[in-house]
C-alpha cells in the first residue's frame, strides 16, 4: 500500500457551483457523505484503498465562495500503488461534480477488489515473462559455449515453439484443481525447470528443459488472461487483457537489463537461468493473493466432478484459431527478421539497430492504451480491423522502404499493431463457456504457435526466392484477409456479460 497522498486546492465558485461540489462526487470514485461531519465525504466505491474529501468555504463580499478542498487517498495495488496514486492526482483534484476517468483506465470505474486482483496478476506475469524470454535472449551466448552453429540455434528455437503441448497437460487439470492453484503450480514448475536449464550439458538438454519450462509459462499465460477477463466488469475486459502486456514488458525488460551478465564469461549465461529461483519464489508468493472468480466457482468447483463436462463450439474454435494463426504468422517473422533486414539491406550498425528497435517500439504503449480504451467504447471489430490494416501495413512497408520512410512506417505500424492485443485477444476468453475457457484458450494458443512456426519458415524460404520485403508482404495480405472474417464471424461483444456471449446457462 502506498503512503497517503494529500491534495489541497482552492476554488472561487458561485454559490450554485459550490452547492454542486458539496454533494457526493461520482466518476473515478463514488463518494458518500460522512453523517458525523458535514462537508466530509468518504469512499463508497472505486479502485482506491482509502479516500476522503473535506470541504470548507467562505463567502466573499461579492457573493462568490472561496472553497478549500482537501483530498486524502492511497492505493494498494501489488506494488503499483505509488505509481497509480501519482497518476490519479490530476483527476482527483478536479473541482467538478464528476471526477474524470483518465484515458489510460477503462471507461467505467474499476472496483477496488478487481483492481487489486488485476495488479497482482500483472505482477505474476512479470516472473512468467522472464522465463519465457530467457531462451531467445541468451541463445547466442549458450551457442558460444557449446560451439553450436546457427542451424542448431534455429532448431532449438523451432522446438521451443511447441511449448503449448506440455502446457496442455497443465490446462487439462484446471477444472479439477482450480485456476489459481494451476497458475501457482505453473510458476513453481517454471522456476524449477528454468533453474535446471542452468546445468544443461548441451543444446539438446537445454531444448528439452526449455520446452517444458516455456510450456508452464504458456499455460500460465492462458489462465491469467482468463482471470483478468473474469474479474472485471463488462466494459473493462479488453482493457484488462491489454494491461497484461505491462507485466510481460517488465519481465522481458528485466531479462534485457540482466543480459550483460551473459557476456561476462563463457558460462555466465547460466546465472540468468538461476535467477529463475528468486523470480519463481516471488511469483508463487503473489499467487496466494489471487482468488478464484465467482463464475469459475459456480460453473466448476461447486459442481460435482461427474457433471463438469466441457462443451466447445467447433465454429468458434475454428475462427479464433484461424485469427491467431494469421496474426502470429505475420507478426513473429517480422520481429525475428527485422534485425536481419536492417543489417543486410539497410546497412545499419549494431548500435543503430538497437536504437531503431527502441525508438520505434516505445510508441506502442500509446497504441496499446488507446486500443484498450477504444475496444470498450467503439467496439472490438473496428479497432482490430484498424490495427490489422494500419499496424500490419506500416510494419510491412517498413520492410520495403529506406531512409526517413523506414522510420515513419515502422513507428506507425508498431504503434497501431499493439491494439490487436486487447481488441482481438479478448475474444479468446469471451467466446468460450467458463469450464471450457482453459481448453479453448490452449487450442487457440497452439494455433498461434503453429502460425509463428510456419510464418518463420515461409519468410526464411521465400526471402531467398524474391526478397525479405516481398515475403513479409505476402504474409501481410494473409493477415489482411482477417478483416472481412472479423465482421462476418466475430460478434460485437463490448458491453455484454460473459454469459450472454458464451450462451451459458
Protein backbone atom coordinates (compact mmCIF):
# COMPACT_ATOMS: atom_id res chain seq x y z
CA UNK A 1 0.00 0.00 0.00
CA UNK A 2 1.33 3.45 -0.91
CA UNK A 3 1.60 6.24 1.62
CA UNK A 4 -1.43 8.55 1.76
CA UNK A 5 -1.36 11.38 -0.77
CA UNK A 6 -2.83 14.73 0.29
CA UNK A 7 -4.11 17.22 -2.26
CA UNK A 8 -5.21 20.71 -1.21
CA UNK A 9 -6.85 23.08 -3.69
CA UNK A 10 -8.76 26.35 -3.55
CA UNK A 11 -11.58 27.34 -5.91
CA UNK A 12 -13.57 30.54 -6.36
CA UNK A 13 -17.07 29.39 -7.22
CA UNK A 14 -20.55 30.77 -7.44
CA UNK A 15 -22.89 29.64 -4.70
CA UNK A 16 -24.67 27.26 -7.12
CA UNK A 17 -21.39 25.66 -8.20
CA UNK A 18 -20.32 25.32 -4.59
CA UNK A 19 -23.57 23.57 -3.70
CA UNK A 20 -22.94 21.17 -6.56
CA UNK A 21 -19.41 20.45 -5.33
CA UNK A 22 -20.75 19.97 -1.80
CA UNK A 23 -22.64 16.86 -2.97
CA UNK A 24 -21.08 13.36 -3.27
CA UNK A 25 -18.97 13.11 -6.42
CA UNK A 26 -19.11 10.29 -8.96
CA UNK A 27 -16.89 9.09 -11.79
CA UNK A 28 -13.46 7.71 -10.94
CA UNK A 29 -14.70 7.16 -7.37
CA UNK A 30 -18.15 7.35 -5.82
CA UNK A 31 -18.43 9.26 -2.57
CA UNK A 32 -20.82 9.08 0.35
CA UNK A 33 -21.32 11.85 2.91
CA UNK A 34 -19.98 11.36 6.43
CA UNK A 35 -23.07 11.63 8.67
CA UNK A 36 -20.94 12.77 11.61
CA UNK A 37 -19.02 15.55 9.86
CA UNK A 38 -20.75 17.85 7.35
CA UNK A 39 -18.56 18.69 4.38
CA UNK A 40 -16.64 15.41 4.64
CA UNK A 41 -17.05 12.61 2.07
CA UNK A 42 -15.84 9.02 2.26
CA UNK A 43 -15.24 6.30 -0.33
CA UNK A 44 -18.34 4.40 -1.41
CA UNK A 45 -16.94 2.66 -4.49
CA UNK A 46 -13.73 2.88 -6.51
CA UNK A 47 -10.28 1.44 -7.13
CA UNK A 48 -8.58 3.23 -4.21
CA UNK A 49 -7.68 1.61 -0.89
CA UNK A 50 -8.67 4.67 1.13
CA UNK A 51 -10.19 8.03 0.25
CA UNK A 52 -11.75 11.04 1.89
CA UNK A 53 -12.56 14.59 0.83
CA UNK A 54 -13.14 17.60 3.06
CA UNK A 55 -14.70 20.91 2.01
CA UNK A 56 -14.71 24.26 3.77
CA UNK A 57 -15.97 27.54 2.33
CA UNK A 58 -16.13 31.25 2.99
CA UNK A 59 -18.48 33.63 1.24
CA UNK A 60 -16.90 36.78 -0.16
CA UNK A 61 -18.41 40.27 -0.30
CA UNK A 62 -19.32 39.78 -3.96
CA UNK A 63 -21.28 36.61 -3.18
CA UNK A 64 -18.67 34.19 -4.57
CA UNK A 65 -17.44 31.31 -2.44
CA UNK A 66 -13.80 30.70 -1.60
CA UNK A 67 -13.72 26.91 -1.34
CA UNK A 68 -10.91 24.81 0.13
CA UNK A 69 -10.88 21.16 -0.92
CA UNK A 70 -8.64 18.58 0.75
CA UNK A 71 -8.43 15.07 -0.71
CA UNK A 72 -6.53 12.30 1.10
CA UNK A 73 -6.17 8.93 -0.61
CA UNK A 74 -3.98 5.86 -1.06
CA UNK A 75 -3.79 2.90 -3.45
CA UNK A 76 -2.99 -0.73 -2.66
CA UNK A 77 -2.17 -2.42 -5.96
CA UNK A 78 0.54 -5.08 -5.54
CA UNK A 79 3.45 -2.70 -5.99
CA UNK A 80 1.76 -0.36 -8.48
CA UNK A 81 0.12 1.71 -5.73
CA UNK A 82 2.58 4.65 -5.64
CA UNK A 83 2.64 4.94 -9.44
CA UNK A 84 -1.16 4.82 -9.73
CA UNK A 85 -1.60 7.27 -6.85
CA UNK A 86 0.68 9.74 -8.62
CA UNK A 87 -1.10 9.25 -11.95
CA UNK A 88 -4.50 9.99 -10.36
CA UNK A 89 -3.53 13.31 -8.78
CA UNK A 90 -4.84 15.48 -11.59
CA UNK A 91 -8.20 13.72 -11.80
CA UNK A 92 -8.80 13.76 -8.04
CA UNK A 93 -8.09 17.49 -7.67
CA UNK A 94 -10.91 18.26 -10.06
CA UNK A 95 -13.48 20.80 -8.89
CA UNK A 96 -16.14 19.05 -10.93
CA UNK A 97 -19.02 17.04 -9.51
CA UNK A 98 -17.91 14.11 -11.66
CA UNK A 99 -14.29 13.06 -11.29
CA UNK A 100 -12.93 12.42 -14.81
CA UNK A 101 -11.62 8.92 -15.55
CA UNK A 102 -8.13 9.16 -17.12
CA UNK A 103 -7.77 7.83 -20.66
CA UNK A 104 -5.39 5.06 -19.57
CA UNK A 105 -8.14 3.47 -17.46
CA UNK A 106 -11.28 1.69 -18.73
CA UNK A 107 -14.35 3.85 -19.41
CA UNK A 108 -16.21 2.52 -16.34
CA UNK A 109 -14.81 2.87 -12.79
CA UNK A 110 -12.81 -0.09 -11.50
CA UNK A 111 -13.79 -1.73 -8.24
CA UNK A 112 -11.04 -1.87 -5.58
CA UNK A 113 -11.08 -5.68 -5.30
CA UNK A 114 -10.87 -6.13 -9.08
CA UNK A 115 -8.07 -3.56 -9.34
CA UNK A 116 -6.03 -5.34 -6.65
CA UNK A 117 -6.52 -8.74 -8.28
CA UNK A 118 -5.60 -7.40 -11.71
CA UNK A 119 -2.49 -5.68 -10.36
CA UNK A 120 -1.45 -8.97 -8.73
CA UNK A 121 -1.98 -10.86 -11.99
CA UNK A 122 0.19 -8.33 -13.81
CA UNK A 123 2.97 -8.81 -11.25
CA UNK A 124 2.73 -12.62 -11.57
CA UNK A 125 3.12 -12.13 -15.33
CA UNK A 126 6.46 -10.44 -14.71
CA UNK A 127 8.00 -13.70 -13.49
CA UNK A 128 6.47 -15.87 -16.24
CA UNK A 129 7.51 -13.38 -18.92
CA UNK A 130 11.07 -13.53 -17.60
CA UNK A 131 11.12 -17.32 -18.03
CA UNK A 132 9.59 -17.08 -21.49
CA UNK A 133 12.15 -14.52 -22.72
CA UNK A 134 15.32 -16.17 -21.49
CA UNK A 135 15.92 -18.68 -24.28
CA UNK A 136 15.70 -16.25 -27.17
CA UNK A 137 17.85 -13.64 -25.42
CA UNK A 138 20.62 -15.94 -24.21
CA UNK A 139 20.81 -18.49 -27.04
CA UNK A 140 23.69 -16.82 -28.83
CA UNK A 141 25.76 -16.95 -25.61
CA UNK A 142 24.75 -20.56 -24.99
CA UNK A 143 25.76 -21.50 -28.53
CA UNK A 144 29.15 -19.86 -27.99
CA UNK A 145 29.91 -22.15 -25.03
CA UNK A 146 28.68 -25.27 -26.81
CA UNK A 147 30.24 -24.27 -30.16
CA UNK A 148 26.82 -24.75 -31.75
CA UNK A 149 26.26 -23.49 -35.31
CA UNK A 150 23.39 -21.23 -36.34
CA UNK A 151 21.47 -24.27 -37.59
CA UNK A 152 21.45 -25.72 -34.06
CA UNK A 153 20.18 -22.43 -32.67
CA UNK A 154 17.41 -22.39 -35.25
CA UNK A 155 16.48 -25.96 -34.30
CA UNK A 156 16.24 -25.07 -30.60
CA UNK A 157 14.08 -22.04 -31.35
CA UNK A 158 11.83 -24.10 -33.61
CA UNK A 159 11.36 -26.83 -30.99
CA UNK A 160 10.63 -24.24 -28.29
CA UNK A 161 7.58 -23.05 -30.27
CA UNK A 162 5.88 -26.37 -29.37
CA UNK A 163 5.77 -25.32 -25.71
CA UNK A 164 1.97 -25.36 -25.65
CA UNK A 165 1.99 -29.18 -25.91
CA UNK A 166 3.26 -29.74 -22.33
CA UNK A 167 1.14 -26.72 -21.40
CA UNK A 168 -1.96 -28.72 -22.36
CA UNK A 169 -1.13 -31.26 -19.64
CA UNK A 170 -1.46 -28.49 -17.05
CA UNK A 171 -4.57 -26.96 -18.61
CA UNK A 172 -6.29 -30.35 -18.57
CA UNK A 173 -6.18 -30.32 -14.77
CA UNK A 174 -7.65 -26.85 -14.32
CA UNK A 175 -11.26 -27.89 -13.76
CA UNK A 176 -10.15 -30.36 -11.07
CA UNK A 177 -7.73 -28.28 -9.02
CA UNK A 178 -8.71 -24.70 -9.91
CA UNK A 179 -7.15 -21.95 -11.98
CA UNK A 180 -5.28 -20.21 -9.17
CA UNK A 181 -3.74 -23.48 -7.97
CA UNK A 182 -2.66 -24.26 -11.52
CA UNK A 183 -1.15 -20.80 -12.01
CA UNK A 184 0.79 -21.36 -8.78
CA UNK A 185 1.97 -24.79 -9.94
CA UNK A 186 2.95 -23.37 -13.34
CA UNK A 187 5.02 -20.58 -11.80
CA UNK A 188 6.74 -23.04 -9.45
CA UNK A 189 7.46 -25.62 -12.16
CA UNK A 190 8.65 -22.87 -14.49
CA UNK A 191 11.12 -21.66 -11.88
CA UNK A 192 12.49 -25.15 -11.22
CA UNK A 193 12.82 -26.06 -14.90
CA UNK A 194 14.43 -22.71 -15.65
CA UNK A 195 16.96 -23.22 -12.86
CA UNK A 196 17.67 -26.77 -14.10
CA UNK A 197 18.37 -25.30 -17.54
CA UNK A 198 21.39 -23.60 -16.00
CA UNK A 199 23.02 -27.03 -15.64
CA UNK A 200 22.41 -28.15 -19.24
CA UNK A 201 25.44 -30.04 -20.61
CA UNK A 202 24.50 -29.30 -24.23
CA UNK A 203 21.99 -27.76 -26.60
CA UNK A 204 19.78 -30.85 -26.70
CA UNK A 205 19.13 -30.91 -22.95
CA UNK A 206 18.62 -27.14 -22.92
CA UNK A 207 15.99 -27.51 -25.65
CA UNK A 208 14.11 -30.21 -23.73
CA UNK A 209 14.11 -28.30 -20.44
CA UNK A 210 13.11 -25.06 -22.10
CA UNK A 211 10.19 -26.62 -23.99
CA UNK A 212 8.90 -27.85 -20.61
CA UNK A 213 9.64 -24.53 -18.85
CA UNK A 214 8.03 -22.49 -21.59
CA UNK A 215 5.09 -24.90 -21.52
CA UNK A 216 4.40 -23.84 -17.94
CA UNK A 217 4.50 -20.18 -18.95
CA UNK A 218 2.17 -20.86 -21.87
CA UNK A 219 -0.35 -22.49 -19.51
CA UNK A 220 0.02 -19.67 -17.00
CA UNK A 221 -0.44 -17.13 -19.80
CA UNK A 222 -3.74 -18.70 -20.85
CA UNK A 223 -5.01 -18.82 -17.26
CA UNK A 224 -4.05 -15.30 -16.18
CA UNK A 225 -5.72 -13.97 -19.32
CA UNK A 226 -8.93 -15.74 -18.31
CA UNK A 227 -8.67 -14.50 -14.72
CA UNK A 228 -8.13 -10.93 -15.90
CA UNK A 229 -11.21 -11.05 -18.12
CA UNK A 230 -13.46 -12.58 -15.47
CA UNK A 231 -12.64 -10.35 -12.50
CA UNK A 232 -13.54 -7.05 -14.18
CA UNK A 233 -16.84 -5.58 -15.32
CA UNK A 234 -18.33 -5.97 -18.78
CA UNK A 235 -16.84 -2.75 -20.24
CA UNK A 236 -13.38 -3.47 -18.87
CA UNK A 237 -12.37 -6.86 -20.31
CA UNK A 238 -10.46 -5.70 -23.39
CA UNK A 239 -8.69 -3.10 -21.27
CA UNK A 240 -7.75 -5.76 -18.69
CA UNK A 241 -6.30 -8.02 -21.40
CA UNK A 242 -4.27 -5.11 -22.74
CA UNK A 243 -2.94 -4.28 -19.27
CA UNK A 244 -1.31 -7.73 -19.01
CA UNK A 245 1.22 -6.52 -21.57
CA UNK A 246 2.65 -4.30 -18.80
CA UNK A 247 3.71 -7.38 -16.82
CA UNK A 248 5.12 -9.07 -19.90
CA UNK A 249 7.09 -5.94 -20.77
CA UNK A 250 8.55 -5.73 -17.27
CA UNK A 251 9.58 -9.40 -17.29
CA UNK A 252 11.13 -9.21 -20.74
CA UNK A 253 12.77 -5.90 -19.86
CA UNK A 254 14.32 -7.40 -16.75
CA UNK A 255 15.88 -10.09 -18.92
CA UNK A 256 17.26 -7.37 -21.21
CA UNK A 257 18.68 -5.45 -18.24
CA UNK A 258 20.43 -8.55 -16.90
CA UNK A 259 21.64 -9.73 -20.32
CA UNK A 260 25.15 -8.21 -19.97
CA UNK A 261 25.80 -10.87 -17.31
CA UNK A 262 25.70 -13.47 -20.08
CA UNK A 263 28.66 -11.84 -21.77
CA UNK A 264 30.95 -11.75 -18.72
CA UNK A 265 32.41 -15.21 -19.29
CA UNK A 266 31.85 -18.33 -21.35
CA UNK A 267 29.29 -19.86 -18.97
CA UNK A 268 27.89 -16.77 -17.27
CA UNK A 269 24.63 -17.11 -19.21
CA UNK A 270 23.73 -19.79 -16.66
CA UNK A 271 23.36 -17.11 -13.97
CA UNK A 272 20.31 -15.68 -15.73
CA UNK A 273 18.61 -19.09 -15.56
CA UNK A 274 19.46 -19.45 -11.85
CA UNK A 275 17.73 -16.12 -11.23
CA UNK A 276 14.57 -18.08 -12.05
CA UNK A 277 14.60 -19.37 -8.44
CA UNK A 278 14.05 -15.99 -6.70
CA UNK A 279 11.75 -14.90 -9.52
CA UNK A 280 9.69 -18.04 -9.01
CA UNK A 281 9.58 -17.67 -5.23
CA UNK A 282 8.30 -14.12 -5.67
CA UNK A 283 5.73 -15.20 -8.26
CA UNK A 284 4.46 -18.11 -6.13
CA UNK A 285 4.06 -15.80 -3.13
CA UNK A 286 1.96 -13.44 -5.23
CA UNK A 287 -0.38 -16.24 -6.33
CA UNK A 288 -1.56 -16.60 -2.72
CA UNK A 289 -3.15 -13.16 -3.11
CA UNK A 290 -5.25 -14.38 -6.05
CA UNK A 291 -8.80 -15.64 -5.66
CA UNK A 292 -10.93 -17.87 -7.85
CA UNK A 293 -13.64 -15.94 -9.66
CA UNK A 294 -17.26 -16.46 -8.70
CA UNK A 295 -18.00 -17.56 -12.26
CA UNK A 296 -15.49 -20.37 -12.07
CA UNK A 297 -16.64 -21.49 -8.63
CA UNK A 298 -20.27 -21.55 -9.70
CA UNK A 299 -19.60 -23.36 -13.00
CA UNK A 300 -16.90 -25.78 -11.90
CA UNK A 301 -15.72 -26.04 -8.29
CA UNK A 302 -19.23 -26.07 -6.83
CA UNK A 303 -20.37 -28.71 -9.33
CA UNK A 304 -19.84 -32.46 -8.75
CA UNK A 305 -16.91 -33.84 -10.76
CA UNK A 306 -19.14 -36.12 -12.82
CA UNK A 307 -21.04 -33.05 -14.10
CA UNK A 308 -18.00 -30.96 -15.02
CA UNK A 309 -18.26 -31.70 -18.72
CA UNK A 310 -16.66 -29.33 -21.23
CA UNK A 311 -18.56 -28.12 -24.27
CA UNK A 312 -16.60 -26.38 -27.01
CA UNK A 313 -18.16 -24.71 -30.04
CA UNK A 314 -16.29 -26.04 -33.07
CA UNK A 315 -17.05 -22.98 -35.20
CA UNK A 316 -15.74 -20.61 -32.53
CA UNK A 317 -12.60 -22.67 -32.01
CA UNK A 318 -12.04 -22.58 -35.78
CA UNK A 319 -12.47 -18.83 -36.32
CA UNK A 320 -10.39 -17.93 -33.26
CA UNK A 321 -7.66 -20.37 -34.28
CA UNK A 322 -7.57 -19.00 -37.84
CA UNK A 323 -7.26 -15.46 -36.48
CA UNK A 324 -4.48 -16.41 -34.05
CA UNK A 325 -2.67 -18.34 -36.79
CA UNK A 326 -2.78 -15.48 -39.31
CA UNK A 327 -1.75 -12.77 -36.85
CA UNK A 328 1.23 -14.71 -35.50
CA UNK A 329 2.26 -15.96 -38.94
CA UNK A 330 2.85 -12.30 -39.80
CA UNK A 331 3.99 -10.68 -36.54
CA UNK A 332 6.54 -13.25 -35.30
CA UNK A 333 8.59 -13.36 -38.54
CA UNK A 334 8.64 -9.55 -38.76
CA UNK A 335 10.06 -9.44 -35.25
CA UNK A 336 12.67 -12.14 -35.83
CA UNK A 337 13.81 -10.95 -39.28
CA UNK A 338 13.75 -7.17 -38.70
CA UNK A 339 17.35 -7.01 -37.48
CA UNK A 340 18.48 -9.09 -40.46
CA UNK A 341 16.72 -6.69 -42.84
CA UNK A 342 18.22 -3.63 -41.16
CA UNK A 343 21.74 -5.06 -41.10
CA UNK A 344 21.90 -6.61 -44.57
CA UNK A 345 19.61 -4.49 -46.76
CA UNK A 346 19.82 -1.12 -44.96
CA UNK A 347 23.39 -1.50 -43.66
CA UNK A 348 22.56 -0.49 -40.09
CA UNK A 349 25.26 -0.93 -37.45
CA UNK A 350 24.51 -2.94 -34.29
CA UNK A 351 24.16 0.27 -32.26
CA UNK A 352 21.81 1.82 -34.82
CA UNK A 353 19.70 -1.35 -34.92
CA UNK A 354 19.32 -1.21 -31.13
CA UNK A 355 18.34 2.46 -31.27
CA UNK A 356 15.87 1.79 -34.09
CA UNK A 357 14.14 -1.04 -32.19
CA UNK A 358 13.83 1.03 -29.02
CA UNK A 359 12.58 4.25 -30.66
CA UNK A 360 10.10 2.52 -32.96
CA UNK A 361 8.61 0.35 -30.21
CA UNK A 362 8.15 2.96 -27.47
CA UNK A 363 5.04 4.47 -29.16
CA UNK A 364 3.45 1.02 -28.96
CA UNK A 365 2.46 1.82 -25.37
CA UNK A 366 0.26 4.64 -26.69
CA UNK A 367 -1.35 2.33 -29.25
CA UNK A 368 -1.98 -0.28 -26.56
CA UNK A 369 -3.61 2.20 -24.18
CA UNK A 370 -5.71 3.79 -26.92
CA UNK A 371 -6.67 0.42 -28.40
CA UNK A 372 -7.71 -0.91 -24.99
CA UNK A 373 -9.96 2.08 -24.34
CA UNK A 374 -11.46 2.20 -27.84
CA UNK A 375 -12.15 -1.54 -27.77
CA UNK A 376 -14.57 -0.84 -24.92
CA UNK A 377 -16.13 2.35 -26.30
CA UNK A 378 -16.04 1.86 -30.10
CA UNK A 379 -16.11 -1.91 -30.45
CA UNK A 380 -13.62 -4.75 -30.78
CA UNK A 381 -14.04 -5.42 -34.50
CA UNK A 382 -13.45 -1.85 -35.66
CA UNK A 383 -10.34 -1.49 -33.52
CA UNK A 384 -8.99 -4.90 -34.55
CA UNK A 385 -9.57 -4.15 -38.24
CA UNK A 386 -7.82 -0.77 -37.96
CA UNK A 387 -4.90 -2.35 -36.08
CA UNK A 388 -4.51 -5.03 -38.77
CA UNK A 389 -4.71 -2.62 -41.72
CA UNK A 390 -2.73 0.31 -40.30
CA UNK A 391 -0.43 -1.58 -37.96
CA UNK A 392 0.28 -4.52 -40.23
CA UNK A 393 0.55 -2.27 -43.28
CA UNK A 394 3.03 0.03 -41.57
CA UNK A 395 5.22 -2.85 -40.47
CA UNK A 396 5.10 -4.45 -43.94
CA UNK A 397 6.07 -1.13 -45.58
CA UNK A 398 8.96 -0.94 -43.12
CA UNK A 399 10.43 -3.98 -44.91
CA UNK A 400 10.15 -2.29 -48.30
CA UNK A 401 11.38 1.26 -47.65
CA UNK A 402 14.50 3.04 -46.51
CA UNK A 403 15.60 6.38 -45.15
CA UNK A 404 13.01 8.50 -43.36
CA UNK A 405 10.09 6.41 -44.63
CA UNK A 406 11.55 3.33 -42.96
CA UNK A 407 11.35 5.08 -39.60
CA UNK A 408 7.92 6.63 -40.22
CA UNK A 409 6.19 3.49 -41.47
CA UNK A 410 7.66 1.34 -38.72
CA UNK A 411 6.65 3.79 -35.98
CA UNK A 412 3.09 4.00 -37.35
CA UNK A 413 2.89 0.23 -37.70
CA UNK A 414 4.36 -0.55 -34.28
CA UNK A 415 2.03 1.96 -32.63
CA UNK A 416 -1.16 0.70 -34.25
CA UNK A 417 -0.47 -3.04 -34.25
CA UNK A 418 -0.40 -3.28 -30.42
CA UNK A 419 -4.15 -2.62 -30.42
CA UNK A 420 -4.59 -6.18 -31.71
CA UNK A 421 -3.84 -7.46 -28.20
CA UNK A 422 -6.92 -6.05 -26.42
CA UNK A 423 -9.32 -5.95 -29.38
CA UNK A 424 -8.73 -9.44 -30.81
CA UNK A 425 -7.13 -11.16 -27.82
CA UNK A 426 -10.17 -10.63 -25.61
CA UNK A 427 -12.27 -12.94 -27.81
CA UNK A 428 -10.19 -15.90 -26.61
CA UNK A 429 -11.87 -15.63 -23.20
CA UNK A 430 -15.24 -14.21 -24.21
CA UNK A 431 -16.36 -16.79 -26.77
CA UNK A 432 -15.98 -19.91 -24.61
CA UNK A 433 -18.03 -21.07 -21.65
CA UNK A 434 -16.47 -20.85 -18.20
CA UNK A 435 -15.49 -24.52 -17.93
CA UNK A 436 -14.09 -24.52 -21.47
CA UNK A 437 -12.02 -21.33 -21.36
CA UNK A 438 -8.80 -23.06 -20.34
CA UNK A 439 -9.01 -25.74 -23.03
CA UNK A 440 -10.27 -23.32 -25.67
CA UNK A 441 -7.50 -20.86 -24.86
CA UNK A 442 -4.95 -23.66 -25.11
CA UNK A 443 -6.17 -24.66 -28.57
CA UNK A 444 -6.08 -21.07 -29.81
CA UNK A 445 -2.58 -20.63 -28.35
CA UNK A 446 -1.48 -23.79 -30.15
CA UNK A 447 -2.80 -22.36 -33.42
CA UNK A 448 -0.82 -19.18 -32.81
CA UNK A 449 2.35 -21.24 -32.25
CA UNK A 450 1.82 -23.15 -35.49
CA UNK A 451 1.28 -19.85 -37.30
CA UNK A 452 4.52 -18.43 -35.93
CA UNK A 453 6.48 -21.54 -36.94
CA UNK A 454 5.13 -21.65 -40.49
CA UNK A 455 5.48 -17.89 -40.86
CA UNK A 456 9.17 -18.01 -39.95
CA UNK A 457 9.75 -20.97 -42.30
CA UNK A 458 7.82 -19.17 -45.07
CA UNK A 459 9.91 -16.00 -44.81
CA UNK A 460 13.12 -17.97 -44.45
CA UNK A 461 12.41 -19.88 -47.66
CA UNK A 462 10.84 -17.23 -49.90
CA UNK A 463 13.23 -14.44 -48.91
CA UNK A 464 15.85 -16.22 -51.00
CA UNK A 465 13.42 -16.58 -53.91
CA UNK A 466 12.21 -12.97 -54.03
CA UNK A 467 13.19 -10.66 -51.17
CA UNK A 468 12.64 -10.34 -47.45
CA UNK A 469 10.21 -7.49 -48.02
CA UNK A 470 8.28 -9.44 -50.63
CA UNK A 471 7.80 -12.50 -48.41
CA UNK A 472 6.67 -10.28 -45.50
CA UNK A 473 4.19 -8.55 -47.82
CA UNK A 474 2.64 -11.90 -48.76
CA UNK A 475 2.12 -12.73 -45.10
CA UNK A 476 0.56 -9.30 -44.54
CA UNK A 477 -2.03 -9.96 -47.23
CA UNK A 478 -2.80 -13.22 -45.46
CA UNK A 479 -3.47 -11.35 -42.22
CA UNK A 480 -5.44 -8.71 -44.13
CA UNK A 481 -7.92 -11.42 -45.11
CA UNK A 482 -8.96 -11.48 -41.45
CA UNK A 483 -10.79 -8.14 -41.77
CA UNK A 484 -13.89 -9.48 -43.57
CA UNK A 485 -13.77 -12.55 -41.32
CA UNK A 486 -13.96 -10.26 -38.28
CA UNK A 487 -17.21 -8.65 -39.39
CA UNK A 488 -18.72 -11.88 -40.73
CA UNK A 489 -17.97 -14.32 -37.89
CA UNK A 490 -16.95 -12.36 -34.77
CA UNK A 491 -19.79 -10.96 -32.65
CA UNK A 492 -19.51 -7.45 -31.18
CA UNK A 493 -19.07 -8.32 -27.51
CA UNK A 494 -18.30 -4.95 -25.94
CA UNK A 495 -20.63 -4.16 -23.05
CA UNK A 496 -22.09 -7.67 -22.86
CA UNK A 497 -21.81 -10.04 -19.91
CA UNK A 498 -19.67 -13.13 -20.48
CA UNK A 499 -22.69 -15.40 -20.03
CA UNK A 500 -24.52 -13.60 -22.85
CA UNK A 501 -21.60 -14.07 -25.24
CA UNK A 502 -20.93 -17.72 -24.45
CA UNK A 503 -24.66 -18.64 -24.33
CA UNK A 504 -24.13 -20.05 -20.89
CA UNK A 505 -27.00 -21.06 -18.62
